C-alpha atoms as a PDB file:
ATOM      1  CA  MET A   1     169.320 137.385 146.192  1.00  0.00           C
ATOM      2  CA  SER A   2     171.805 134.552 146.512  1.00  0.00           C
ATOM      3  CA  LEU A   3     175.455 134.866 147.418  1.00  0.00           C
ATOM      4  CA  PRO A   4     178.045 133.629 144.949  1.00  0.00           C
ATOM      5  CA  THR A   5     179.428 130.186 145.634  1.00  0.00           C
ATOM      6  CA  PRO A   6     182.907 130.350 147.128  1.00  0.00           C
ATOM      7  CA  PRO A   7     185.636 128.766 145.032  1.00  0.00           C
ATOM      8  CA  PRO A   8     186.591 125.203 145.964  1.00  0.00           C
ATOM      9  CA  ASP A   9     189.437 124.888 148.420  1.00  0.00           C
ATOM     10  CA  ILE A  10     192.753 124.950 146.644  1.00  0.00           C
ATOM     11  CA  PRO A  11     195.149 122.522 148.303  1.00  0.00           C
ATOM     12  CA  ARG A  12     198.115 124.304 149.812  1.00  0.00           C
ATOM     13  CA  GLN A  13     201.463 123.021 148.742  1.00  0.00           C
ATOM     14  CA  GLU A  14     203.380 121.432 151.614  1.00  0.00           C
ATOM     15  CA  SER A  15     206.626 123.191 150.733  1.00  0.00           C
ATOM     16  CA  LEU A  16     208.010 125.620 148.203  1.00  0.00           C
ATOM     17  CA  ILE A  17     211.402 123.926 148.483  1.00  0.00           C
ATOM     18  CA  GLU A  18     212.264 120.992 146.256  1.00  0.00           C
ATOM     19  CA  TYR A  19     214.252 118.334 148.067  1.00  0.00           C
ATOM     20  CA  PRO A  20     217.110 117.686 148.002  1.00  0.00           C
ATOM     21  CA  SER A  21     218.486 121.197 147.470  1.00  0.00           C
ATOM     22  CA  GLN A  22     221.277 123.468 148.631  1.00  0.00           C
ATOM     23  CA  PHE A  23     219.835 125.652 151.370  1.00  0.00           C
ATOM     24  CA  PRO A  24     221.687 128.622 152.924  1.00  0.00           C
ATOM     25  CA  ILE A  25     221.101 129.377 156.601  1.00  0.00           C
ATOM     26  CA  LYS A  26     222.283 132.622 158.185  1.00  0.00           C
ATOM     27  CA  VAL A  27     223.303 132.502 161.826  1.00  0.00           C
ATOM     28  CA  MET A  28     224.230 135.516 163.963  1.00  0.00           C
ATOM     29  CA  GLY A  29     226.127 135.319 167.204  1.00  0.00           C
ATOM     30  CA  VAL A  30     228.528 137.249 169.394  1.00  0.00           C
ATOM     31  CA  LYS A  31     231.969 137.064 167.802  1.00  0.00           C
ATOM     32  CA  VAL A  32     233.749 134.621 170.140  1.00  0.00           C
ATOM     33  CA  ASP A  33     236.222 131.790 169.686  1.00  0.00           C
ATOM     34  CA  GLY A  34     234.420 128.597 168.779  1.00  0.00           C
ATOM     35  CA  LEU A  35     231.291 130.133 167.221  1.00  0.00           C
ATOM     36  CA  VAL A  36     232.079 129.087 163.645  1.00  0.00           C
ATOM     37  CA  HIS A  37     233.235 125.644 164.763  1.00  0.00           C
ATOM     38  CA  ALA A  38     230.043 125.092 166.802  1.00  0.00           C
ATOM     39  CA  ILE A  39     227.823 126.117 163.888  1.00  0.00           C
ATOM     40  CA  SER A  40     229.701 123.916 161.420  1.00  0.00           C
ATOM     41  CA  MET A  41     229.480 120.913 163.777  1.00  0.00           C
ATOM     42  CA  ILE A  42     225.705 121.373 163.998  1.00  0.00           C
ATOM     43  CA  ALA A  43     225.451 121.718 160.202  1.00  0.00           C
ATOM     44  CA  ARG A  44     227.456 118.496 159.781  1.00  0.00           C
ATOM     45  CA  GLU A  45     225.138 116.734 162.234  1.00  0.00           C
ATOM     46  CA  PHE A  46     222.225 117.374 159.878  1.00  0.00           C
ATOM     47  CA  ASP A  47     224.173 117.134 156.605  1.00  0.00           C
ATOM     48  CA  PRO A  48     227.077 114.658 156.820  1.00  0.00           C
ATOM     49  CA  ALA A  49     228.375 115.944 153.456  1.00  0.00           C
ATOM     50  CA  PHE A  50     228.477 119.577 154.705  1.00  0.00           C
ATOM     51  CA  ASP A  51     231.535 121.366 153.308  1.00  0.00           C
ATOM     52  CA  ALA A  52     232.939 123.840 155.846  1.00  0.00           C
ATOM     53  CA  SER A  53     234.931 125.561 153.076  1.00  0.00           C
ATOM     54  CA  THR A  54     231.633 127.052 151.817  1.00  0.00           C
ATOM     55  CA  ILE A  55     231.006 128.987 155.058  1.00  0.00           C
ATOM     56  CA  GLU A  56     230.616 132.728 154.546  1.00  0.00           C
ATOM     57  CA  LEU A  57     231.461 135.154 157.357  1.00  0.00           C
ATOM     58  CA  ARG A  58     230.421 138.752 157.857  1.00  0.00           C
ATOM     59  CA  GLU A  59     231.271 140.926 160.848  1.00  0.00           C
ATOM     60  CA  SER A  60     228.899 143.559 162.172  1.00  0.00           C
ATOM     61  CA  LYS A  61     229.960 147.195 161.797  1.00  0.00           C
ATOM     62  CA  GLY A  62     231.109 147.375 165.399  1.00  0.00           C
ATOM     63  CA  GLY A  63     232.811 143.983 165.222  1.00  0.00           C
ATOM     64  CA  LYS A  64     230.879 142.560 168.178  1.00  0.00           C
ATOM     65  CA  TYR A  65     228.735 140.147 166.141  1.00  0.00           C
ATOM     66  CA  LEU A  66     229.512 137.661 163.402  1.00  0.00           C
ATOM     67  CA  GLY A  67     227.165 136.495 160.675  1.00  0.00           C
ATOM     68  CA  VAL A  68     227.841 132.947 159.560  1.00  0.00           C
ATOM     69  CA  THR A  69     226.155 131.533 156.462  1.00  0.00           C
ATOM     70  CA  VAL A  70     226.199 127.761 156.101  1.00  0.00           C
ATOM     71  CA  THR A  71     224.775 126.000 153.074  1.00  0.00           C
ATOM     72  CA  VAL A  72     223.412 122.541 153.767  1.00  0.00           C
ATOM     73  CA  THR A  73     221.817 119.935 151.559  1.00  0.00           C
ATOM     74  CA  ALA A  74     218.186 120.055 152.644  1.00  0.00           C
ATOM     75  CA  THR A  75     216.472 116.683 152.372  1.00  0.00           C
ATOM     76  CA  SER A  76     213.149 117.387 154.128  1.00  0.00           C
ATOM     77  CA  ARG A  77     211.109 119.985 155.954  1.00  0.00           C
ATOM     78  CA  GLU A  78     211.607 118.030 159.171  1.00  0.00           C
ATOM     79  CA  GLN A  79     215.396 118.148 158.770  1.00  0.00           C
ATOM     80  CA  LEU A  80     215.356 121.932 158.265  1.00  0.00           C
ATOM     81  CA  ASP A  81     212.967 122.498 161.185  1.00  0.00           C
ATOM     82  CA  GLU A  82     215.160 120.480 163.526  1.00  0.00           C
ATOM     83  CA  LEU A  83     218.327 122.189 162.246  1.00  0.00           C
ATOM     84  CA  TYR A  84     216.783 125.624 162.895  1.00  0.00           C
ATOM     85  CA  ARG A  85     215.674 124.496 166.377  1.00  0.00           C
ATOM     86  CA  THR A  86     219.127 123.154 167.225  1.00  0.00           C
ATOM     87  CA  LEU A  87     220.909 126.287 166.004  1.00  0.00           C
ATOM     88  CA  SER A  88     218.423 128.618 167.715  1.00  0.00           C
ATOM     89  CA  THR A  89     218.889 126.971 171.103  1.00  0.00           C
ATOM     90  CA  HIS A  90     222.698 126.985 171.000  1.00  0.00           C
ATOM     91  CA  PRO A  91     224.028 129.369 173.692  1.00  0.00           C
ATOM     92  CA  MET A  92     226.401 131.176 171.273  1.00  0.00           C
ATOM     93  CA  VAL A  93     223.670 131.874 168.705  1.00  0.00           C
ATOM     94  CA  LYS A  94     221.494 135.014 168.834  1.00  0.00           C
ATOM     95  CA  VAL A  95     219.480 134.766 165.578  1.00  0.00           C
ATOM     96  CA  VAL A  96     218.891 132.180 162.835  1.00  0.00           C
ATOM     97  CA  LEU A  97     217.461 133.254 159.475  1.00  0.00           C
END
C-alpha cells in the first residue's frame, strides 16, 4: 500500500497588504500630557504626509488610559515593522495593535 503524494508546496504570499495603502494602527497608553503628540511625531517619522487631523481618540471606561488610532500610508512591510517597534518601545505606550 502506498501513501498518497503530498500536494506540491504552495508559495506563501509575502503580505496580505497591498502597498501603498492607508493602514490604521491602534496605540494604548496611560492618559498623560504629551501622549498624542509623541505618537503623532512617531507616525510622521515613518509617513511624512501623516495628517494628525485623522487621529481618533478613545478613553478607557475609568479614564486612566487613552486609545489613539493613527492612520499612516504604509509603503512596505519593513516600514510597518519598524513603526510598530518604535511605538512599542516608547515609554508612554502600553500596547500597539
